[in-house]
Amino acid sequence: MQFMSKHGAEGFAGIGVLSSLFAGIGEYETGKAEKAAYDYNASITLQNMSAQMIASQQKYSELVGKQASAYARAGVDIASGSPLLVMAATAARGGQQGKQIEQAGTEEAALQRYYGRIAAWQGKMGGIGTFLSGMTKSIAPLMV
C-alpha cells in the first residue's frame, strides 16, 4: 500500500511539473505576442509620421504658392526683396515642421519597440519563474 501511495505522489508531481511547464510557456508566448503588438504599433506610427510629413510639405508648398500669387497679383516683384524673404521663411517653417514631425514619430516608434522588448523579457522571465515555482512545489513533497 505504501508503494502505491509513493507512486501516486510521483504521478501527481509529474502532472504538476507539466502543468507549470505549460503555464510558463503560456507566459512566454504572451510576452512574445505583446512584443509583436508593440512592433506593429511602431510600424503604424512610422507610417502615420510619413503621411503627416507629406501633408505638412503640401500645406507649406501651397502656402508659398498662395503668397507668390498674392504678391504677383499686387504687381510686386517676387524674385527679390521682402516677398522672397517671406516665402523663404515660410518654406523654412515647413521644413522645420517636417523635422519636428519626423522626430516625434521616430521617438514614439522607438518607445513602442522598447516597450515590446520589455514585454518579451517579462514574458520570458515570468515563464521561467512560473515553471521553476511549479516544479519546486511539485517535487518538494517527494523530498520529504
N, C-alpha and C. Protein backbone atom coordinates (compact mmCIF):
# COMPACT_ATOMS: atom_id res chain seq x y z
N MET A 1 0.82 -1.18 0.00
CA MET A 1 0.00 0.00 0.00
C MET A 1 0.87 1.25 0.00
N GLN A 2 1.96 1.21 0.72
CA GLN A 2 2.83 2.36 0.78
C GLN A 2 3.46 2.63 -0.58
N PHE A 3 3.77 1.60 -1.35
CA PHE A 3 4.32 1.76 -2.70
C PHE A 3 3.34 2.52 -3.59
N MET A 4 2.09 2.18 -3.52
CA MET A 4 1.06 2.84 -4.33
C MET A 4 0.97 4.31 -3.94
N SER A 5 1.08 4.58 -2.69
CA SER A 5 0.97 5.94 -2.21
C SER A 5 2.13 6.79 -2.74
N LYS A 6 3.34 6.25 -2.64
CA LYS A 6 4.50 6.98 -3.14
C LYS A 6 4.44 7.09 -4.66
N HIS A 7 4.03 6.04 -5.33
CA HIS A 7 3.89 6.04 -6.79
C HIS A 7 2.86 7.08 -7.24
N GLY A 8 1.77 7.16 -6.49
CA GLY A 8 0.74 8.16 -6.81
C GLY A 8 1.26 9.58 -6.64
N ALA A 9 2.07 9.80 -5.59
CA ALA A 9 2.65 11.12 -5.36
C ALA A 9 3.59 11.50 -6.49
N GLU A 10 4.35 10.53 -6.99
CA GLU A 10 5.25 10.82 -8.12
C GLU A 10 4.45 11.19 -9.36
N GLY A 11 3.33 10.52 -9.55
CA GLY A 11 2.48 10.84 -10.70
C GLY A 11 1.93 12.25 -10.61
N PHE A 12 1.49 12.62 -9.39
CA PHE A 12 0.99 13.98 -9.21
C PHE A 12 2.10 15.01 -9.39
N ALA A 13 3.30 14.66 -8.96
CA ALA A 13 4.45 15.56 -9.15
C ALA A 13 4.72 15.77 -10.63
N GLY A 14 4.64 14.68 -11.39
CA GLY A 14 4.85 14.80 -12.84
C GLY A 14 3.80 15.68 -13.49
N ILE A 15 2.57 15.53 -13.05
CA ILE A 15 1.49 16.37 -13.58
C ILE A 15 1.73 17.83 -13.20
N GLY A 16 2.19 18.05 -11.97
CA GLY A 16 2.48 19.41 -11.52
C GLY A 16 3.59 20.05 -12.33
N VAL A 17 4.63 19.28 -12.63
CA VAL A 17 5.75 19.79 -13.43
C VAL A 17 5.25 20.15 -14.83
N LEU A 18 4.47 19.25 -15.43
CA LEU A 18 3.93 19.53 -16.76
C LEU A 18 3.02 20.75 -16.75
N SER A 19 2.19 20.85 -15.73
CA SER A 19 1.29 21.99 -15.60
C SER A 19 2.07 23.30 -15.51
N SER A 20 3.12 23.30 -14.70
CA SER A 20 3.93 24.52 -14.57
C SER A 20 4.70 24.81 -15.85
N LEU A 21 5.10 23.77 -16.57
CA LEU A 21 5.77 23.97 -17.85
C LEU A 21 4.84 24.66 -18.84
N PHE A 22 3.62 24.16 -18.93
CA PHE A 22 2.66 24.76 -19.86
C PHE A 22 2.28 26.19 -19.45
N ALA A 23 2.15 26.42 -18.15
CA ALA A 23 1.86 27.77 -17.67
C ALA A 23 3.02 28.71 -18.01
N GLY A 24 4.24 28.23 -17.83
CA GLY A 24 5.43 29.04 -18.16
C GLY A 24 5.50 29.34 -19.64
N ILE A 25 5.20 28.34 -20.46
CA ILE A 25 5.19 28.55 -21.91
C ILE A 25 4.12 29.57 -22.28
N GLY A 26 2.98 29.51 -21.60
CA GLY A 26 1.92 30.47 -21.84
C GLY A 26 2.35 31.90 -21.56
N GLU A 27 3.06 32.11 -20.46
CA GLU A 27 3.56 33.45 -20.13
C GLU A 27 4.58 33.91 -21.17
N TYR A 28 5.45 33.01 -21.57
CA TYR A 28 6.45 33.34 -22.58
C TYR A 28 5.78 33.75 -23.89
N GLU A 29 4.79 32.99 -24.32
CA GLU A 29 4.07 33.29 -25.56
C GLU A 29 3.30 34.61 -25.45
N THR A 30 2.75 34.89 -24.28
CA THR A 30 2.06 36.15 -24.07
C THR A 30 3.02 37.32 -24.23
N GLY A 31 4.21 37.19 -23.70
CA GLY A 31 5.23 38.23 -23.86
C GLY A 31 5.60 38.44 -25.32
N LYS A 32 5.73 37.33 -26.07
CA LYS A 32 6.04 37.44 -27.49
C LYS A 32 4.91 38.12 -28.25
N ALA A 33 3.67 37.80 -27.90
CA ALA A 33 2.52 38.42 -28.56
C ALA A 33 2.45 39.91 -28.26
N GLU A 34 2.73 40.28 -27.02
CA GLU A 34 2.75 41.71 -26.67
C GLU A 34 3.84 42.43 -27.44
N LYS A 35 5.01 41.82 -27.57
CA LYS A 35 6.10 42.43 -28.34
C LYS A 35 5.67 42.64 -29.78
N ALA A 36 5.03 41.63 -30.37
CA ALA A 36 4.56 41.75 -31.75
C ALA A 36 3.56 42.90 -31.88
N ALA A 37 2.70 43.07 -30.89
CA ALA A 37 1.73 44.16 -30.94
C ALA A 37 2.43 45.52 -30.85
N TYR A 38 3.41 45.63 -29.97
CA TYR A 38 4.16 46.89 -29.86
C TYR A 38 4.93 47.18 -31.15
N ASP A 39 5.53 46.15 -31.75
CA ASP A 39 6.24 46.34 -33.01
C ASP A 39 5.29 46.79 -34.11
N TYR A 40 4.10 46.21 -34.14
CA TYR A 40 3.09 46.62 -35.12
C TYR A 40 2.71 48.09 -34.90
N ASN A 41 2.51 48.47 -33.65
CA ASN A 41 2.19 49.87 -33.34
C ASN A 41 3.31 50.81 -33.78
N ALA A 42 4.55 50.37 -33.62
CA ALA A 42 5.69 51.19 -34.06
C ALA A 42 5.64 51.37 -35.58
N SER A 43 5.31 50.32 -36.31
CA SER A 43 5.21 50.42 -37.77
C SER A 43 4.11 51.39 -38.18
N ILE A 44 2.97 51.30 -37.51
CA ILE A 44 1.85 52.20 -37.80
C ILE A 44 2.25 53.65 -37.48
N THR A 45 2.95 53.84 -36.39
CA THR A 45 3.41 55.18 -36.01
C THR A 45 4.31 55.76 -37.11
N LEU A 46 5.22 54.95 -37.64
CA LEU A 46 6.11 55.42 -38.70
C LEU A 46 5.33 55.72 -39.99
N GLN A 47 4.33 54.91 -40.29
CA GLN A 47 3.51 55.17 -41.48
C GLN A 47 2.73 56.48 -41.31
N ASN A 48 2.17 56.67 -40.12
CA ASN A 48 1.43 57.91 -39.86
C ASN A 48 2.36 59.11 -39.92
N MET A 49 3.57 58.95 -39.40
CA MET A 49 4.55 60.02 -39.44
C MET A 49 4.85 60.41 -40.88
N SER A 50 5.04 59.43 -41.72
CA SER A 50 5.32 59.68 -43.13
C SER A 50 4.17 60.44 -43.78
N ALA A 51 2.95 60.01 -43.50
CA ALA A 51 1.78 60.69 -44.07
C ALA A 51 1.68 62.13 -43.56
N GLN A 52 1.97 62.35 -42.29
CA GLN A 52 1.93 63.70 -41.72
C GLN A 52 3.00 64.59 -42.33
N MET A 53 4.17 64.02 -42.59
CA MET A 53 5.24 64.81 -43.21
C MET A 53 4.84 65.24 -44.62
N ILE A 54 4.25 64.33 -45.37
CA ILE A 54 3.81 64.65 -46.74
C ILE A 54 2.74 65.73 -46.69
N ALA A 55 1.79 65.59 -45.78
CA ALA A 55 0.72 66.59 -45.64
C ALA A 55 1.29 67.95 -45.27
N SER A 56 2.27 67.95 -44.38
CA SER A 56 2.89 69.21 -43.97
C SER A 56 3.63 69.86 -45.15
N GLN A 57 4.36 69.04 -45.91
CA GLN A 57 5.07 69.57 -47.09
C GLN A 57 4.08 70.20 -48.06
N GLN A 58 2.98 69.49 -48.32
CA GLN A 58 1.97 70.01 -49.26
C GLN A 58 1.37 71.30 -48.74
N LYS A 59 1.08 71.36 -47.44
CA LYS A 59 0.49 72.55 -46.84
C LYS A 59 1.40 73.76 -47.02
N TYR A 60 2.68 73.59 -46.72
CA TYR A 60 3.60 74.72 -46.83
C TYR A 60 3.91 75.07 -48.28
N SER A 61 3.92 74.09 -49.15
CA SER A 61 4.12 74.38 -50.58
C SER A 61 2.95 75.19 -51.12
N GLU A 62 1.74 74.81 -50.72
CA GLU A 62 0.55 75.57 -51.15
C GLU A 62 0.58 76.98 -50.58
N LEU A 63 1.03 77.11 -49.34
CA LEU A 63 1.10 78.43 -48.71
C LEU A 63 2.09 79.33 -49.44
N VAL A 64 3.25 78.79 -49.79
CA VAL A 64 4.24 79.57 -50.54
C VAL A 64 3.66 79.96 -51.91
N GLY A 65 2.94 79.03 -52.53
CA GLY A 65 2.30 79.33 -53.82
C GLY A 65 1.27 80.43 -53.69
N LYS A 66 0.48 80.40 -52.65
CA LYS A 66 -0.53 81.45 -52.42
C LYS A 66 0.14 82.80 -52.18
N GLN A 67 1.24 82.77 -51.42
CA GLN A 67 1.97 84.02 -51.18
C GLN A 67 2.50 84.59 -52.50
N ALA A 68 3.10 83.73 -53.31
CA ALA A 68 3.65 84.18 -54.59
C ALA A 68 2.55 84.74 -55.48
N SER A 69 1.40 84.06 -55.51
CA SER A 69 0.28 84.54 -56.34
C SER A 69 -0.23 85.88 -55.85
N ALA A 70 -0.35 86.05 -54.55
CA ALA A 70 -0.85 87.31 -53.99
C ALA A 70 0.11 88.46 -54.30
N TYR A 71 1.41 88.21 -54.16
CA TYR A 71 2.39 89.25 -54.48
C TYR A 71 2.33 89.58 -55.97
N ALA A 72 2.25 88.55 -56.81
CA ALA A 72 2.22 88.78 -58.26
C ALA A 72 0.97 89.55 -58.66
N ARG A 73 -0.19 89.22 -58.08
CA ARG A 73 -1.43 89.95 -58.39
C ARG A 73 -1.31 91.42 -58.00
N ALA A 74 -0.57 91.69 -56.94
CA ALA A 74 -0.40 93.06 -56.48
C ALA A 74 0.67 93.79 -57.28
N GLY A 75 1.31 93.09 -58.20
CA GLY A 75 2.34 93.72 -59.02
C GLY A 75 3.68 93.83 -58.34
N VAL A 76 3.90 93.05 -57.29
CA VAL A 76 5.17 93.10 -56.55
C VAL A 76 6.11 92.06 -57.15
N ASP A 77 7.38 92.45 -57.31
CA ASP A 77 8.40 91.52 -57.82
C ASP A 77 8.69 90.47 -56.75
N ILE A 78 8.45 89.19 -57.08
CA ILE A 78 8.63 88.13 -56.09
C ILE A 78 10.02 87.48 -56.17
N ALA A 79 10.85 87.95 -57.08
CA ALA A 79 12.17 87.35 -57.27
C ALA A 79 13.22 87.94 -56.34
N SER A 80 12.88 89.00 -55.60
CA SER A 80 13.87 89.59 -54.69
C SER A 80 13.16 90.36 -53.58
N GLY A 81 13.95 90.78 -52.62
CA GLY A 81 13.44 91.63 -51.55
C GLY A 81 12.58 90.90 -50.53
N SER A 82 11.72 91.68 -49.89
CA SER A 82 10.88 91.17 -48.81
C SER A 82 9.98 90.01 -49.23
N PRO A 83 9.31 90.07 -50.41
CA PRO A 83 8.45 88.95 -50.78
C PRO A 83 9.23 87.63 -50.85
N LEU A 84 10.43 87.67 -51.40
CA LEU A 84 11.25 86.46 -51.49
C LEU A 84 11.64 85.97 -50.10
N LEU A 85 11.97 86.90 -49.21
CA LEU A 85 12.33 86.53 -47.84
C LEU A 85 11.15 85.92 -47.09
N VAL A 86 9.96 86.46 -47.30
CA VAL A 86 8.77 85.94 -46.64
C VAL A 86 8.49 84.51 -47.12
N MET A 87 8.59 84.29 -48.44
CA MET A 87 8.34 82.95 -48.97
C MET A 87 9.43 81.96 -48.52
N ALA A 88 10.67 82.44 -48.43
CA ALA A 88 11.76 81.58 -47.95
C ALA A 88 11.55 81.22 -46.48
N ALA A 89 11.09 82.18 -45.70
CA ALA A 89 10.82 81.93 -44.27
C ALA A 89 9.68 80.93 -44.12
N THR A 90 8.66 81.05 -44.96
CA THR A 90 7.54 80.11 -44.92
C THR A 90 8.01 78.70 -45.27
N ALA A 91 8.83 78.59 -46.30
CA ALA A 91 9.37 77.28 -46.70
C ALA A 91 10.24 76.70 -45.58
N ALA A 92 11.01 77.55 -44.91
CA ALA A 92 11.86 77.09 -43.80
C ALA A 92 11.01 76.59 -42.63
N ARG A 93 9.90 77.31 -42.35
CA ARG A 93 8.99 76.85 -41.29
C ARG A 93 8.42 75.48 -41.65
N GLY A 94 8.14 75.29 -42.92
CA GLY A 94 7.63 73.98 -43.37
C GLY A 94 8.66 72.88 -43.16
N GLY A 95 9.91 73.19 -43.47
CA GLY A 95 10.98 72.21 -43.25
C GLY A 95 11.16 71.90 -41.78
N GLN A 96 11.07 72.93 -40.96
CA GLN A 96 11.20 72.75 -39.52
C GLN A 96 10.04 71.91 -38.98
N GLN A 97 8.84 72.19 -39.47
CA GLN A 97 7.67 71.41 -39.05
C GLN A 97 7.84 69.94 -39.43
N GLY A 98 8.37 69.70 -40.63
CA GLY A 98 8.62 68.33 -41.08
C GLY A 98 9.61 67.60 -40.18
N LYS A 99 10.67 68.31 -39.77
CA LYS A 99 11.66 67.71 -38.87
C LYS A 99 11.05 67.38 -37.51
N GLN A 100 10.18 68.27 -37.02
CA GLN A 100 9.54 68.02 -35.73
C GLN A 100 8.62 66.80 -35.81
N ILE A 101 7.88 66.69 -36.90
CA ILE A 101 7.01 65.53 -37.11
C ILE A 101 7.84 64.25 -37.16
N GLU A 102 8.95 64.31 -37.89
CA GLU A 102 9.81 63.14 -38.02
C GLU A 102 10.41 62.74 -36.67
N GLN A 103 10.89 63.71 -35.93
CA GLN A 103 11.50 63.42 -34.63
C GLN A 103 10.47 62.81 -33.68
N ALA A 104 9.28 63.39 -33.62
CA ALA A 104 8.24 62.87 -32.72
C ALA A 104 7.84 61.45 -33.12
N GLY A 105 7.68 61.21 -34.41
CA GLY A 105 7.29 59.87 -34.88
C GLY A 105 8.37 58.84 -34.62
N THR A 106 9.61 59.22 -34.87
CA THR A 106 10.73 58.31 -34.65
C THR A 106 10.88 57.96 -33.17
N GLU A 107 10.73 58.97 -32.31
CA GLU A 107 10.83 58.73 -30.87
C GLU A 107 9.69 57.84 -30.39
N GLU A 108 8.48 58.09 -30.86
CA GLU A 108 7.33 57.28 -30.46
C GLU A 108 7.51 55.83 -30.92
N ALA A 109 7.98 55.62 -32.14
CA ALA A 109 8.20 54.26 -32.64
C ALA A 109 9.29 53.56 -31.83
N ALA A 110 10.35 54.27 -31.49
CA ALA A 110 11.42 53.68 -30.68
C ALA A 110 10.90 53.30 -29.30
N LEU A 111 10.04 54.14 -28.73
CA LEU A 111 9.46 53.85 -27.43
C LEU A 111 8.57 52.61 -27.51
N GLN A 112 7.78 52.49 -28.57
CA GLN A 112 6.93 51.31 -28.75
C GLN A 112 7.79 50.04 -28.85
N ARG A 113 8.86 50.10 -29.60
CA ARG A 113 9.74 48.93 -29.73
C ARG A 113 10.40 48.59 -28.39
N TYR A 114 10.76 49.60 -27.63
CA TYR A 114 11.34 49.39 -26.30
C TYR A 114 10.33 48.68 -25.40
N TYR A 115 9.09 49.17 -25.40
CA TYR A 115 8.04 48.53 -24.59
C TYR A 115 7.86 47.07 -25.04
N GLY A 116 7.99 46.82 -26.32
CA GLY A 116 7.88 45.46 -26.83
C GLY A 116 8.99 44.56 -26.30
N ARG A 117 10.20 45.08 -26.29
CA ARG A 117 11.33 44.29 -25.76
C ARG A 117 11.12 44.01 -24.27
N ILE A 118 10.61 45.00 -23.54
CA ILE A 118 10.34 44.82 -22.10
C ILE A 118 9.27 43.74 -21.92
N ALA A 119 8.20 43.79 -22.71
CA ALA A 119 7.13 42.80 -22.60
C ALA A 119 7.64 41.39 -22.89
N ALA A 120 8.49 41.27 -23.91
CA ALA A 120 9.05 39.95 -24.24
C ALA A 120 9.93 39.45 -23.11
N TRP A 121 10.74 40.33 -22.55
CA TRP A 121 11.62 39.94 -21.45
C TRP A 121 10.79 39.53 -20.23
N GLN A 122 9.75 40.32 -19.91
CA GLN A 122 8.89 39.98 -18.77
C GLN A 122 8.20 38.63 -19.00
N GLY A 123 7.77 38.37 -20.22
CA GLY A 123 7.14 37.09 -20.52
C GLY A 123 8.11 35.94 -20.33
N LYS A 124 9.34 36.14 -20.79
CA LYS A 124 10.35 35.08 -20.65
C LYS A 124 10.67 34.83 -19.17
N MET A 125 10.92 35.91 -18.43
CA MET A 125 11.25 35.75 -17.01
C MET A 125 10.06 35.21 -16.22
N GLY A 126 8.86 35.69 -16.54
CA GLY A 126 7.66 35.17 -15.86
C GLY A 126 7.45 33.71 -16.16
N GLY A 127 7.68 33.32 -17.39
CA GLY A 127 7.54 31.91 -17.77
C GLY A 127 8.53 31.02 -17.03
N ILE A 128 9.77 31.46 -16.97
CA ILE A 128 10.79 30.69 -16.25
C ILE A 128 10.44 30.61 -14.77
N GLY A 129 10.03 31.75 -14.20
CA GLY A 129 9.66 31.78 -12.78
C GLY A 129 8.48 30.88 -12.48
N THR A 130 7.47 30.90 -13.33
CA THR A 130 6.30 30.05 -13.13
C THR A 130 6.68 28.58 -13.21
N PHE A 131 7.48 28.24 -14.19
CA PHE A 131 7.91 26.85 -14.32
C PHE A 131 8.70 26.40 -13.10
N LEU A 132 9.68 27.20 -12.69
CA LEU A 132 10.51 26.80 -11.55
C LEU A 132 9.70 26.73 -10.26
N SER A 133 8.80 27.68 -10.08
CA SER A 133 7.96 27.68 -8.88
C SER A 133 7.06 26.45 -8.86
N GLY A 134 6.43 26.15 -9.98
CA GLY A 134 5.57 24.98 -10.05
C GLY A 134 6.33 23.69 -9.87
N MET A 135 7.51 23.64 -10.45
CA MET A 135 8.34 22.44 -10.33
C MET A 135 8.76 22.23 -8.87
N THR A 136 9.13 23.31 -8.20
CA THR A 136 9.54 23.24 -6.80
C THR A 136 8.38 22.76 -5.93
N LYS A 137 7.20 23.30 -6.17
CA LYS A 137 6.04 22.90 -5.38
C LYS A 137 5.65 21.44 -5.66
N SER A 138 5.87 20.98 -6.88
CA SER A 138 5.51 19.62 -7.23
C SER A 138 6.51 18.59 -6.71
N ILE A 139 7.77 18.96 -6.68
CA ILE A 139 8.81 17.99 -6.30
C ILE A 139 9.07 18.03 -4.80
N ALA A 140 8.80 19.14 -4.14
CA ALA A 140 9.09 19.27 -2.70
C ALA A 140 8.46 18.18 -1.85
N PRO A 141 7.20 17.76 -2.08
CA PRO A 141 6.62 16.69 -1.26
C PRO A 141 7.37 15.37 -1.41
N LEU A 142 8.00 15.12 -2.54
CA LEU A 142 8.72 13.87 -2.75
C LEU A 142 10.04 13.81 -1.99
N MET A 143 10.56 14.94 -1.63
CA MET A 143 11.86 15.00 -0.99
C MET A 143 11.76 14.79 0.51
N VAL A 144 10.57 14.69 1.02
CA VAL A 144 10.39 14.52 2.47
C VAL A 144 10.59 13.08 2.85
